[in-house]
Amino acid sequence: MIFGFFLNILGMIGEFLSPLFIGWVIDAIVNNDLPEVKNIIMWWMITNTLGAIFAGIQRYIFQITTERIGQSLR
């Protein structure tokens, strides 16, 4: 269960970083630095993908935990 909370935090970090990445992309576009735009977007995609993976694992762990609690109550 604690591992699930840890994964939840990691998943939320990916979501919270999106506005930061958007700002970096806008700044790079304004500075006409296209290689930097590509680099930032690549890291943004990696961060979002990892956040989604962590969130999916967290949901799976919580679902299994909820099912086990339900079985023990029966």
C-alpha atoms as a PDB file:
ATOM      1  CA  MET A   1       0.000   0.000   0.000  1.00  0.00           C
ATOM      2  CA  ILE A   2       2.853   2.393   0.802  1.00  0.00           C
ATOM      3  CA  PHE A   3       4.399   1.501  -2.559  1.00  0.00           C
ATOM      4  CA  GLY A   4       1.107   2.523  -4.178  1.00  0.00           C
ATOM      5  CA  PHE A   5       1.232   5.928  -2.496  1.00  0.00           C
ATOM      6  CA  PHE A   6       4.842   6.363  -3.637  1.00  0.00           C
ATOM      7  CA  LEU A   7       3.836   5.568  -7.221  1.00  0.00           C
ATOM      8  CA  ASN A   8       0.932   8.003  -6.902  1.00  0.00           C
ATOM      9  CA  ILE A   9       3.351  10.762  -5.977  1.00  0.00           C
ATOM     10  CA  LEU A  10       5.604   9.913  -8.936  1.00  0.00           C
ATOM     11  CA  GLY A  11       2.607   9.934 -11.270  1.00  0.00           C
ATOM     12  CA  MET A  12       1.482  13.318 -10.009  1.00  0.00           C
ATOM     13  CA  ILE A  13       4.952  14.786 -10.521  1.00  0.00           C
ATOM     14  CA  GLY A  14       4.594  14.011 -14.223  1.00  0.00           C
ATOM     15  CA  GLU A  15       1.298  15.879 -14.327  1.00  0.00           C
ATOM     16  CA  PHE A  16       2.589  18.858 -12.363  1.00  0.00           C
ATOM     17  CA  LEU A  17       5.612  19.286 -14.634  1.00  0.00           C
ATOM     18  CA  SER A  18       3.532  19.759 -17.784  1.00  0.00           C
ATOM     19  CA  PRO A  19       2.996  23.534 -17.333  1.00  0.00           C
ATOM     20  CA  LEU A  20       6.728  23.926 -16.739  1.00  0.00           C
ATOM     21  CA  PHE A  21       7.532  22.096 -19.972  1.00  0.00           C
ATOM     22  CA  ILE A  22       4.970  24.207 -21.854  1.00  0.00           C
ATOM     23  CA  GLY A  23       6.701  27.346 -20.621  1.00  0.00           C
ATOM     24  CA  TRP A  24      10.099  26.018 -21.679  1.00  0.00           C
ATOM     25  CA  VAL A  25       8.778  25.132 -25.140  1.00  0.00           C
ATOM     26  CA  ILE A  26       7.265  28.607 -25.564  1.00  0.00           C
ATOM     27  CA  ASP A  27      10.522  30.245 -24.457  1.00  0.00           C
ATOM     28  CA  ALA A  28      12.537  28.125 -26.898  1.00  0.00           C
ATOM     29  CA  ILE A  29      10.139  28.952 -29.738  1.00  0.00           C
ATOM     30  CA  VAL A  30      10.355  32.661 -28.944  1.00  0.00           C
ATOM     31  CA  ASN A  31      14.169  32.384 -28.989  1.00  0.00           C
ATOM     32  CA  ASN A  32      13.917  30.503 -32.318  1.00  0.00           C
ATOM     33  CA  ASP A  33      15.897  27.569 -30.895  1.00  0.00           C
ATOM     34  CA  LEU A  34      14.334  24.587 -32.692  1.00  0.00           C
ATOM     35  CA  PRO A  35      16.859  21.966 -31.486  1.00  0.00           C
ATOM     36  CA  GLU A  36      16.023  22.989 -27.916  1.00  0.00           C
ATOM     37  CA  VAL A  37      12.289  22.706 -28.682  1.00  0.00           C
ATOM     38  CA  LYS A  38      12.823  19.132 -29.884  1.00  0.00           C
ATOM     39  CA  ASN A  39      14.891  18.308 -26.797  1.00  0.00           C
ATOM     40  CA  ILE A  40      12.308  19.732 -24.394  1.00  0.00           C
ATOM     41  CA  ILE A  41       9.431  17.953 -26.135  1.00  0.00           C
ATOM     42  CA  MET A  42      11.368  14.656 -25.992  1.00  0.00           C
ATOM     43  CA  TRP A  43      11.884  15.023 -22.224  1.00  0.00           C
ATOM     44  CA  TRP A  44       8.247  16.080 -21.816  1.00  0.00           C
ATOM     45  CA  MET A  45       7.092  12.916 -23.579  1.00  0.00           C
ATOM     46  CA  ILE A  46       9.382  10.767 -21.412  1.00  0.00           C
ATOM     47  CA  THR A  47       8.112  12.443 -18.238  1.00  0.00           C
ATOM     48  CA  ASN A  48       4.443  12.017 -19.244  1.00  0.00           C
ATOM     49  CA  THR A  49       4.980   8.392 -20.260  1.00  0.00           C
ATOM     50  CA  LEU A  50       6.686   7.534 -16.975  1.00  0.00           C
ATOM     51  CA  GLY A  51       3.967   9.370 -15.046  1.00  0.00           C
ATOM     52  CA  ALA A  52       1.281   7.371 -16.852  1.00  0.00           C
ATOM     53  CA  ILE A  53       3.091   4.090 -16.187  1.00  0.00           C
ATOM     54  CA  PHE A  54       3.483   4.921 -12.488  1.00  0.00           C
ATOM     55  CA  ALA A  55      -0.176   5.955 -12.231  1.00  0.00           C
ATOM     56  CA  GLY A  56      -1.295   2.728 -13.921  1.00  0.00           C
ATOM     57  CA  ILE A  57       0.767   0.563 -11.578  1.00  0.00           C
ATOM     58  CA  GLN A  58      -0.549   2.542  -8.610  1.00  0.00           C
ATOM     59  CA  ARG A  59      -4.159   1.997  -9.689  1.00  0.00           C
ATOM     60  CA  TYR A  60      -3.482  -1.717 -10.150  1.00  0.00           C
ATOM     61  CA  ILE A  61      -1.958  -2.011  -6.660  1.00  0.00           C
ATOM     62  CA  PHE A  62      -4.884  -0.170  -5.080  1.00  0.00           C
ATOM     63  CA  GLN A  63      -7.381  -2.323  -6.974  1.00  0.00           C
ATOM     64  CA  ILE A  64      -5.717  -5.532  -5.772  1.00  0.00           C
ATOM     65  CA  THR A  65      -5.600  -4.179  -2.215  1.00  0.00           C
ATOM     66  CA  THR A  66      -9.294  -3.241  -2.339  1.00  0.00           C
ATOM     67  CA  GLU A  67     -10.233  -6.691  -3.643  1.00  0.00           C
ATOM     68  CA  ARG A  68      -8.251  -8.394  -0.873  1.00  0.00           C
ATOM     69  CA  ILE A  69      -9.938  -6.256   1.775  1.00  0.00           C
ATOM     70  CA  GLY A  70     -13.334  -7.118   0.263  1.00  0.00           C
ATOM     71  CA  GLN A  71     -12.521 -10.834   0.320  1.00  0.00           C
ATOM     72  CA  SER A  72     -11.396 -10.726   3.927  1.00  0.00           C
ATOM     73  CA  LEU A  73     -14.626  -8.943   4.937  1.00  0.00           C
ATOM     74  CA  ARG A  74     -16.732 -11.693   3.387  1.00  0.00           C
END
